[in-house]
């Protein structure tokens, strides 16, 4: 469903993403992980069109999109949430969702029943007429997901959706993502620092560090990769662990 082929991004001589290649299958939950500054959010911005690639190709459902505007990519099925919330603060919760539904109707993909189910599933029914800023942080995160889902995406990208959530909310998020994929089959790309959540939620992982690809594959294989261990723990921590065995 999503192909990243030799993608690089330069910022005035700084190579933020360096020749990264990975694929995301249809209806797969795919984790994109790595230490802070690894290039994960930059990659999401490149896929969604917020940034343009310096080189390489991005393909969704066999259609190259890397030269398209962000709006055109959204119409083809790319939807996302943001690490820093970007809700329409001057609109109600209901209107935030309806903005996305309008775009879905324009491309003939509207599904009101899906959104009504999602509103209930994500616990937003009682808050529809409220301003987003009045909601608890976790509920604002859930609103962003429902708004993105209203676009009827082929690829849904979630940038740290569990940030600021407690363990109970994180558990509910896992259940909601499982429901979402069953109710609206799509590929989900998930950036998250909570490795317990990532390991339970994702079928595949791609690991980045300092803009480069470290590993991509099954979670149980990726987490045994020595480069991945070093990137997360540091060589000194690894040596200490060996001494403690």
C-alpha atoms as a PDB file:
ATOM      1  CA  UNK A   1       0.000   0.000   0.000  1.00  0.00           C
ATOM      2  CA  UNK A   2       2.838   2.416   0.829  1.00  0.00           C
ATOM      3  CA  UNK A   3       6.332   2.272  -0.644  1.00  0.00           C
ATOM      4  CA  UNK A   4       9.216   4.458   0.501  1.00  0.00           C
ATOM      5  CA  UNK A   5      12.012   4.117  -2.031  1.00  0.00           C
ATOM      6  CA  UNK A   6      15.472   5.610  -1.389  1.00  0.00           C
ATOM      7  CA  UNK A   7      13.979   8.737   0.174  1.00  0.00           C
ATOM      8  CA  UNK A   8      16.321  11.503   1.371  1.00  0.00           C
ATOM      9  CA  UNK A   9      15.725  14.982   2.759  1.00  0.00           C
ATOM     10  CA  UNK A  10      18.304  17.759   3.072  1.00  0.00           C
ATOM     11  CA  UNK A  11      17.962  20.944   5.098  1.00  0.00           C
ATOM     12  CA  UNK A  12      20.664  23.421   4.046  1.00  0.00           C
ATOM     13  CA  UNK A  13      23.359  20.760   3.970  1.00  0.00           C
ATOM     14  CA  UNK A  14      21.999  18.702   6.868  1.00  0.00           C
ATOM     15  CA  UNK A  15      20.756  15.275   5.738  1.00  0.00           C
ATOM     16  CA  UNK A  16      17.742  14.687   7.967  1.00  0.00           C
ATOM     17  CA  UNK A  17      16.647  11.535   6.104  1.00  0.00           C
ATOM     18  CA  UNK A  18      19.271   9.487   4.296  1.00  0.00           C
ATOM     19  CA  UNK A  19      18.291   7.025   1.558  1.00  0.00           C
ATOM     20  CA  UNK A  20      15.511   5.274   3.496  1.00  0.00           C
ATOM     21  CA  UNK A  21      13.521   2.405   1.956  1.00  0.00           C
ATOM     22  CA  UNK A  22      10.671   0.417   3.502  1.00  0.00           C
ATOM     23  CA  UNK A  23       7.163  -0.783   2.622  1.00  0.00           C
ATOM     24  CA  UNK A  24       3.859  -0.901   4.481  1.00  0.00           C
ATOM     25  CA  UNK A  25       1.340  -3.549   3.447  1.00  0.00           C
ATOM     26  CA  UNK A  26      -2.395  -3.001   3.178  1.00  0.00           C
ATOM     27  CA  UNK A  27      -4.205  -3.387   6.524  1.00  0.00           C
ATOM     28  CA  UNK A  28      -0.882  -3.588   8.406  1.00  0.00           C
ATOM     29  CA  UNK A  29      -0.046  -1.703  11.594  1.00  0.00           C
ATOM     30  CA  UNK A  30       3.548  -0.631  11.010  1.00  0.00           C
ATOM     31  CA  UNK A  31       5.639   0.970  13.737  1.00  0.00           C
ATOM     32  CA  UNK A  32       8.173   3.665  12.841  1.00  0.00           C
ATOM     33  CA  UNK A  33      10.498   3.955  15.811  1.00  0.00           C
ATOM     34  CA  UNK A  34      13.884   5.328  16.816  1.00  0.00           C
ATOM     35  CA  UNK A  35      15.591   7.641  19.312  1.00  0.00           C
ATOM     36  CA  UNK A  36      14.800  11.353  19.440  1.00  0.00           C
ATOM     37  CA  UNK A  37      16.085  13.077  16.322  1.00  0.00           C
ATOM     38  CA  UNK A  38      16.036   9.871  14.278  1.00  0.00           C
ATOM     39  CA  UNK A  39      13.995  11.456  11.471  1.00  0.00           C
ATOM     40  CA  UNK A  40      10.651   9.770  12.153  1.00  0.00           C
ATOM     41  CA  UNK A  41       8.446  12.860  12.095  1.00  0.00           C
ATOM     42  CA  UNK A  42      10.405  14.206   9.118  1.00  0.00           C
ATOM     43  CA  UNK A  43       9.540  10.978   7.299  1.00  0.00           C
ATOM     44  CA  UNK A  44       5.846  11.385   8.136  1.00  0.00           C
ATOM     45  CA  UNK A  45       6.001  14.974   6.897  1.00  0.00           C
ATOM     46  CA  UNK A  46       7.568  13.764   3.638  1.00  0.00           C
ATOM     47  CA  UNK A  47       4.852  11.151   3.143  1.00  0.00           C
ATOM     48  CA  UNK A  48       1.996  13.561   3.890  1.00  0.00           C
ATOM     49  CA  UNK A  49       3.439  16.361   1.751  1.00  0.00           C
ATOM     50  CA  UNK A  50       4.202  18.831   4.513  1.00  0.00           C
ATOM     51  CA  UNK A  51       7.806  18.554   3.264  1.00  0.00           C
ATOM     52  CA  UNK A  52       9.102  17.703  -0.198  1.00  0.00           C
ATOM     53  CA  UNK A  53      11.684  14.968  -0.776  1.00  0.00           C
ATOM     54  CA  UNK A  54      15.197  15.858  -1.900  1.00  0.00           C
ATOM     55  CA  UNK A  55      15.440  12.525  -3.708  1.00  0.00           C
ATOM     56  CA  UNK A  56      13.642   9.205  -3.887  1.00  0.00           C
ATOM     57  CA  UNK A  57      10.032   8.161  -4.424  1.00  0.00           C
ATOM     58  CA  UNK A  58       6.902   7.751  -2.311  1.00  0.00           C
ATOM     59  CA  UNK A  59       4.173   5.536  -3.759  1.00  0.00           C
ATOM     60  CA  UNK A  60       0.689   4.823  -2.438  1.00  0.00           C
ATOM     61  CA  UNK A  61      -1.376   2.056  -3.995  1.00  0.00           C
ATOM     62  CA  UNK A  62       0.978   2.054  -7.041  1.00  0.00           C
ATOM     63  CA  UNK A  63       0.604   5.831  -7.575  1.00  0.00           C
ATOM     64  CA  UNK A  64       3.741   8.016  -7.147  1.00  0.00           C
ATOM     65  CA  UNK A  65       2.825  10.903  -4.845  1.00  0.00           C
ATOM     66  CA  UNK A  66       6.150  12.504  -3.902  1.00  0.00           C
ATOM     67  CA  UNK A  67       5.672  15.408  -6.331  1.00  0.00           C
ATOM     68  CA  UNK A  68       2.041  16.048  -5.360  1.00  0.00           C
ATOM     69  CA  UNK A  69       0.737  18.772  -3.059  1.00  0.00           C
ATOM     70  CA  UNK A  70      -0.394  17.708   0.420  1.00  0.00           C
ATOM     71  CA  UNK A  71      -4.069  18.213  -0.480  1.00  0.00           C
ATOM     72  CA  UNK A  72      -3.753  15.909  -3.499  1.00  0.00           C
ATOM     73  CA  UNK A  73      -2.143  13.249  -1.324  1.00  0.00           C
ATOM     74  CA  UNK A  74      -4.979  13.521   1.178  1.00  0.00           C
ATOM     75  CA  UNK A  75      -7.491  12.982  -1.607  1.00  0.00           C
ATOM     76  CA  UNK A  76      -5.595   9.851  -2.665  1.00  0.00           C
ATOM     77  CA  UNK A  77      -5.834   8.425   0.842  1.00  0.00           C
ATOM     78  CA  UNK A  78      -3.091   9.841   3.075  1.00  0.00           C
ATOM     79  CA  UNK A  79      -4.307  11.004   6.501  1.00  0.00           C
ATOM     80  CA  UNK A  80      -2.375  11.828   9.645  1.00  0.00           C
ATOM     81  CA  UNK A  81      -2.328  13.152  13.173  1.00  0.00           C
ATOM     82  CA  UNK A  82       0.409  15.390  14.551  1.00  0.00           C
ATOM     83  CA  UNK A  83       2.939  15.137  17.348  1.00  0.00           C
ATOM     84  CA  UNK A  84       1.810  18.594  18.442  1.00  0.00           C
ATOM     85  CA  UNK A  85      -1.984  18.749  18.281  1.00  0.00           C
ATOM     86  CA  UNK A  86      -3.369  20.678  15.309  1.00  0.00           C
ATOM     87  CA  UNK A  87      -7.071  20.887  15.939  1.00  0.00           C
ATOM     88  CA  UNK A  88      -9.296  23.707  14.730  1.00  0.00           C
ATOM     89  CA  UNK A  89      -9.654  25.444  18.084  1.00  0.00           C
ATOM     90  CA  UNK A  90     -12.361  27.854  16.880  1.00  0.00           C
ATOM     91  CA  UNK A  91     -14.612  24.988  15.753  1.00  0.00           C
ATOM     92  CA  UNK A  92     -16.554  22.521  17.866  1.00  0.00           C
ATOM     93  CA  UNK A  93     -15.578  18.863  18.105  1.00  0.00           C
ATOM     94  CA  UNK A  94     -18.389  18.055  15.673  1.00  0.00           C
ATOM     95  CA  UNK A  95     -17.220  20.686  13.170  1.00  0.00           C
ATOM     96  CA  UNK A  96     -13.635  19.453  13.365  1.00  0.00           C
ATOM     97  CA  UNK A  97     -14.833  16.047  12.210  1.00  0.00           C
ATOM     98  CA  UNK A  98     -17.197  17.494   9.590  1.00  0.00           C
ATOM     99  CA  UNK A  99     -14.344  19.408   7.916  1.00  0.00           C
ATOM    100  CA  UNK A 100     -12.744  16.060   7.080  1.00  0.00           C
ATOM    101  CA  UNK A 101     -16.079  14.520   6.087  1.00  0.00           C
ATOM    102  CA  UNK A 102     -16.580  17.280   3.501  1.00  0.00           C
ATOM    103  CA  UNK A 103     -13.316  16.265   1.797  1.00  0.00           C
ATOM    104  CA  UNK A 104     -14.357  12.606   1.907  1.00  0.00           C
ATOM    105  CA  UNK A 105     -17.681  13.475   0.249  1.00  0.00           C
ATOM    106  CA  UNK A 106     -15.852  15.436  -2.445  1.00  0.00           C
ATOM    107  CA  UNK A 107     -13.924  12.309  -3.427  1.00  0.00           C
ATOM    108  CA  UNK A 108     -17.014  10.091  -3.124  1.00  0.00           C
ATOM    109  CA  UNK A 109     -15.746   8.244  -0.063  1.00  0.00           C
ATOM    110  CA  UNK A 110     -17.939   9.537   2.747  1.00  0.00           C
ATOM    111  CA  UNK A 111     -19.166   6.966   5.277  1.00  0.00           C
ATOM    112  CA  UNK A 112     -21.356   8.671   7.924  1.00  0.00           C
ATOM    113  CA  UNK A 113     -22.053   5.363   9.690  1.00  0.00           C
ATOM    114  CA  UNK A 114     -18.322   4.765  10.158  1.00  0.00           C
ATOM    115  CA  UNK A 115     -17.836   8.185  11.742  1.00  0.00           C
ATOM    116  CA  UNK A 116     -20.860   7.806  14.021  1.00  0.00           C
ATOM    117  CA  UNK A 117     -19.438   4.480  15.208  1.00  0.00           C
ATOM    118  CA  UNK A 118     -15.992   6.058  15.694  1.00  0.00           C
ATOM    119  CA  UNK A 119     -17.435   8.956  17.705  1.00  0.00           C
ATOM    120  CA  UNK A 120     -18.938   6.451  20.114  1.00  0.00           C
ATOM    121  CA  UNK A 121     -15.931   4.135  20.118  1.00  0.00           C
ATOM    122  CA  UNK A 122     -13.476   6.961  20.894  1.00  0.00           C
ATOM    123  CA  UNK A 123     -15.728   8.471  23.584  1.00  0.00           C
ATOM    124  CA  UNK A 124     -16.550  11.777  21.885  1.00  0.00           C
ATOM    125  CA  UNK A 125     -20.357  11.634  21.785  1.00  0.00           C
ATOM    126  CA  UNK A 126     -20.927  13.779  24.876  1.00  0.00           C
ATOM    127  CA  UNK A 127     -18.394  16.395  23.754  1.00  0.00           C
ATOM    128  CA  UNK A 128     -19.536  17.072  20.180  1.00  0.00           C
ATOM    129  CA  UNK A 129     -20.652  20.655  20.820  1.00  0.00           C
ATOM    130  CA  UNK A 130     -17.660  21.581  22.975  1.00  0.00           C
ATOM    131  CA  UNK A 131     -14.529  23.415  21.858  1.00  0.00           C
ATOM    132  CA  UNK A 132     -11.519  21.082  21.468  1.00  0.00           C
ATOM    133  CA  UNK A 133      -9.494  23.146  23.937  1.00  0.00           C
ATOM    134  CA  UNK A 134     -11.935  22.268  26.720  1.00  0.00           C
ATOM    135  CA  UNK A 135     -11.265  18.536  26.360  1.00  0.00           C
ATOM    136  CA  UNK A 136      -8.744  16.504  28.389  1.00  0.00           C
ATOM    137  CA  UNK A 137      -5.505  15.954  26.484  1.00  0.00           C
ATOM    138  CA  UNK A 138      -6.142  12.278  25.787  1.00  0.00           C
ATOM    139  CA  UNK A 139      -9.565  13.091  24.360  1.00  0.00           C
ATOM    140  CA  UNK A 140      -8.037  15.709  22.038  1.00  0.00           C
ATOM    141  CA  UNK A 141      -5.702  12.983  20.784  1.00  0.00           C
ATOM    142  CA  UNK A 142      -8.694  10.752  20.104  1.00  0.00           C
ATOM    143  CA  UNK A 143     -10.443  13.581  18.254  1.00  0.00           C
ATOM    144  CA  UNK A 144      -7.482  13.925  15.909  1.00  0.00           C
ATOM    145  CA  UNK A 145      -7.698  10.218  15.094  1.00  0.00           C
ATOM    146  CA  UNK A 146     -11.448  10.353  14.388  1.00  0.00           C
ATOM    147  CA  UNK A 147     -10.985  13.456  12.235  1.00  0.00           C
ATOM    148  CA  UNK A 148      -8.266  11.676  10.227  1.00  0.00           C
ATOM    149  CA  UNK A 149     -10.473   8.590   9.913  1.00  0.00           C
ATOM    150  CA  UNK A 150     -13.263  10.753   8.460  1.00  0.00           C
ATOM    151  CA  UNK A 151     -11.072  11.171   5.364  1.00  0.00           C
ATOM    152  CA  UNK A 152     -11.486   7.413   4.710  1.00  0.00           C
ATOM    153  CA  UNK A 153      -7.720   6.939   4.405  1.00  0.00           C
ATOM    154  CA  UNK A 154      -5.817   4.168   2.711  1.00  0.00           C
ATOM    155  CA  UNK A 155      -2.835   5.047   4.920  1.00  0.00           C
ATOM    156  CA  UNK A 156      -3.393   6.508   8.394  1.00  0.00           C
ATOM    157  CA  UNK A 157      -0.276   7.937  10.063  1.00  0.00           C
ATOM    158  CA  UNK A 158      -0.349   8.545  13.814  1.00  0.00           C
ATOM    159  CA  UNK A 159       2.480  10.614  15.299  1.00  0.00           C
ATOM    160  CA  UNK A 160       2.816   9.675  18.986  1.00  0.00           C
ATOM    161  CA  UNK A 161      -0.908   9.071  19.594  1.00  0.00           C
ATOM    162  CA  UNK A 162      -0.278   7.771  23.127  1.00  0.00           C
ATOM    163  CA  UNK A 163       1.778  10.796  24.228  1.00  0.00           C
ATOM    164  CA  UNK A 164       0.444  12.181  27.504  1.00  0.00           C
ATOM    165  CA  UNK A 165      -1.859   9.229  28.075  1.00  0.00           C
ATOM    166  CA  UNK A 166      -1.905   7.101  31.216  1.00  0.00           C
ATOM    167  CA  UNK A 167      -1.713   3.297  31.078  1.00  0.00           C
ATOM    168  CA  UNK A 168      -5.505   2.907  31.055  1.00  0.00           C
ATOM    169  CA  UNK A 169      -5.866   5.348  28.136  1.00  0.00           C
ATOM    170  CA  UNK A 170      -3.030   3.636  26.263  1.00  0.00           C
ATOM    171  CA  UNK A 171      -4.752   0.283  26.659  1.00  0.00           C
ATOM    172  CA  UNK A 172      -7.984   1.757  25.328  1.00  0.00           C
ATOM    173  CA  UNK A 173      -6.074   3.249  22.388  1.00  0.00           C
ATOM    174  CA  UNK A 174      -4.736  -0.199  21.484  1.00  0.00           C
ATOM    175  CA  UNK A 175      -8.267  -1.625  21.526  1.00  0.00           C
ATOM    176  CA  UNK A 176      -9.555   1.313  19.462  1.00  0.00           C
ATOM    177  CA  UNK A 177      -6.867   0.887  16.802  1.00  0.00           C
ATOM    178  CA  UNK A 178      -7.717  -2.802  16.546  1.00  0.00           C
ATOM    179  CA  UNK A 179     -11.396  -1.872  16.132  1.00  0.00           C
ATOM    180  CA  UNK A 180     -10.539   0.867  13.611  1.00  0.00           C
ATOM    181  CA  UNK A 181      -8.651  -1.491  11.322  1.00  0.00           C
ATOM    182  CA  UNK A 182     -11.470  -4.035  11.428  1.00  0.00           C
ATOM    183  CA  UNK A 183     -14.117  -1.373  10.784  1.00  0.00           C
ATOM    184  CA  UNK A 184     -12.152   0.484   8.108  1.00  0.00           C
ATOM    185  CA  UNK A 185      -9.312  -1.645   6.709  1.00  0.00           C
ATOM    186  CA  UNK A 186      -6.282   0.545   6.018  1.00  0.00           C
ATOM    187  CA  UNK A 187      -2.552   0.644   6.594  1.00  0.00           C
ATOM    188  CA  UNK A 188      -1.569   2.343   9.853  1.00  0.00           C
ATOM    189  CA  UNK A 189       1.877   3.872  10.364  1.00  0.00           C
ATOM    190  CA  UNK A 190       2.501   4.454  14.054  1.00  0.00           C
ATOM    191  CA  UNK A 191       5.242   6.595  15.619  1.00  0.00           C
ATOM    192  CA  UNK A 192       5.491   5.970  19.334  1.00  0.00           C
ATOM    193  CA  UNK A 193       8.142   5.916  22.083  1.00  0.00           C
ATOM    194  CA  UNK A 194       6.179   3.483  24.262  1.00  0.00           C
ATOM    195  CA  UNK A 195       7.866   0.246  23.155  1.00  0.00           C
ATOM    196  CA  UNK A 196       5.448  -1.946  25.103  1.00  0.00           C
ATOM    197  CA  UNK A 197       2.587  -0.379  23.169  1.00  0.00           C
ATOM    198  CA  UNK A 198       4.495  -0.626  19.867  1.00  0.00           C
ATOM    199  CA  UNK A 199       5.384  -4.291  20.380  1.00  0.00           C
ATOM    200  CA  UNK A 200       1.789  -5.239  21.145  1.00  0.00           C
ATOM    201  CA  UNK A 201       0.185  -3.134  18.404  1.00  0.00           C
ATOM    202  CA  UNK A 202       2.456  -3.577  15.359  1.00  0.00           C
ATOM    203  CA  UNK A 203       2.993  -6.446  12.923  1.00  0.00           C
ATOM    204  CA  UNK A 204       6.102  -4.802  11.422  1.00  0.00           C
ATOM    205  CA  UNK A 205       8.669  -2.282  12.655  1.00  0.00           C
ATOM    206  CA  UNK A 206      10.976   0.110  10.848  1.00  0.00           C
ATOM    207  CA  UNK A 207      13.769   1.595  12.949  1.00  0.00           C
ATOM    208  CA  UNK A 208      15.537   4.859  12.089  1.00  0.00           C
ATOM    209  CA  UNK A 209      18.531   6.531  13.718  1.00  0.00           C
ATOM    210  CA  UNK A 210      20.127   9.846  12.758  1.00  0.00           C
ATOM    211  CA  UNK A 211      18.113   9.875   9.528  1.00  0.00           C
ATOM    212  CA  UNK A 212      19.167   6.418   8.364  1.00  0.00           C
ATOM    213  CA  UNK A 213      17.389   3.071   8.264  1.00  0.00           C
ATOM    214  CA  UNK A 214      18.654   0.649  10.908  1.00  0.00           C
ATOM    215  CA  UNK A 215      16.271  -2.263  10.451  1.00  0.00           C
ATOM    216  CA  UNK A 216      12.847  -3.233   9.160  1.00  0.00           C
ATOM    217  CA  UNK A 217      10.908  -6.426   9.767  1.00  0.00           C
ATOM    218  CA  UNK A 218       9.045  -8.412  12.390  1.00  0.00           C
ATOM    219  CA  UNK A 219       9.143  -6.889  15.906  1.00  0.00           C
ATOM    220  CA  UNK A 220      10.755  -9.963  17.457  1.00  0.00           C
ATOM    221  CA  UNK A 221      13.546  -9.853  14.863  1.00  0.00           C
ATOM    222  CA  UNK A 222      14.081  -6.089  14.859  1.00  0.00           C
ATOM    223  CA  UNK A 223      14.416  -5.834  18.631  1.00  0.00           C
ATOM    224  CA  UNK A 224      17.219  -8.430  18.563  1.00  0.00           C
ATOM    225  CA  UNK A 225      19.186  -6.413  15.996  1.00  0.00           C
ATOM    226  CA  UNK A 226      22.449  -5.243  17.576  1.00  0.00           C
ATOM    227  CA  UNK A 227      22.387  -1.848  15.850  1.00  0.00           C
ATOM    228  CA  UNK A 228      18.879  -1.262  17.176  1.00  0.00           C
ATOM    229  CA  UNK A 229      19.962  -2.233  20.705  1.00  0.00           C
ATOM    230  CA  UNK A 230      22.943   0.127  20.525  1.00  0.00           C
ATOM    231  CA  UNK A 231      20.811   3.004  19.209  1.00  0.00           C
ATOM    232  CA  UNK A 232      18.314   2.691  22.053  1.00  0.00           C
ATOM    233  CA  UNK A 233      20.572   1.697  24.940  1.00  0.00           C
ATOM    234  CA  UNK A 234      23.968   3.050  23.940  1.00  0.00           C
ATOM    235  CA  UNK A 235      27.105   0.901  23.802  1.00  0.00           C
ATOM    236  CA  UNK A 236      28.000   1.717  27.420  1.00  0.00           C
ATOM    237  CA  UNK A 237      24.652   0.519  28.701  1.00  0.00           C
ATOM    238  CA  UNK A 238      24.940  -2.632  26.629  1.00  0.00           C
ATOM    239  CA  UNK A 239      28.391  -3.407  28.058  1.00  0.00           C
ATOM    240  CA  UNK A 240      27.061  -2.867  31.579  1.00  0.00           C
ATOM    241  CA  UNK A 241      24.192  -5.247  30.867  1.00  0.00           C
ATOM    242  CA  UNK A 242      26.665  -7.891  29.695  1.00  0.00           C
ATOM    243  CA  UNK A 243      28.721  -7.498  32.871  1.00  0.00           C
ATOM    244  CA  UNK A 244      25.601  -7.871  34.991  1.00  0.00           C
ATOM    245  CA  UNK A 245      24.631 -11.189  33.413  1.00  0.00           C
END
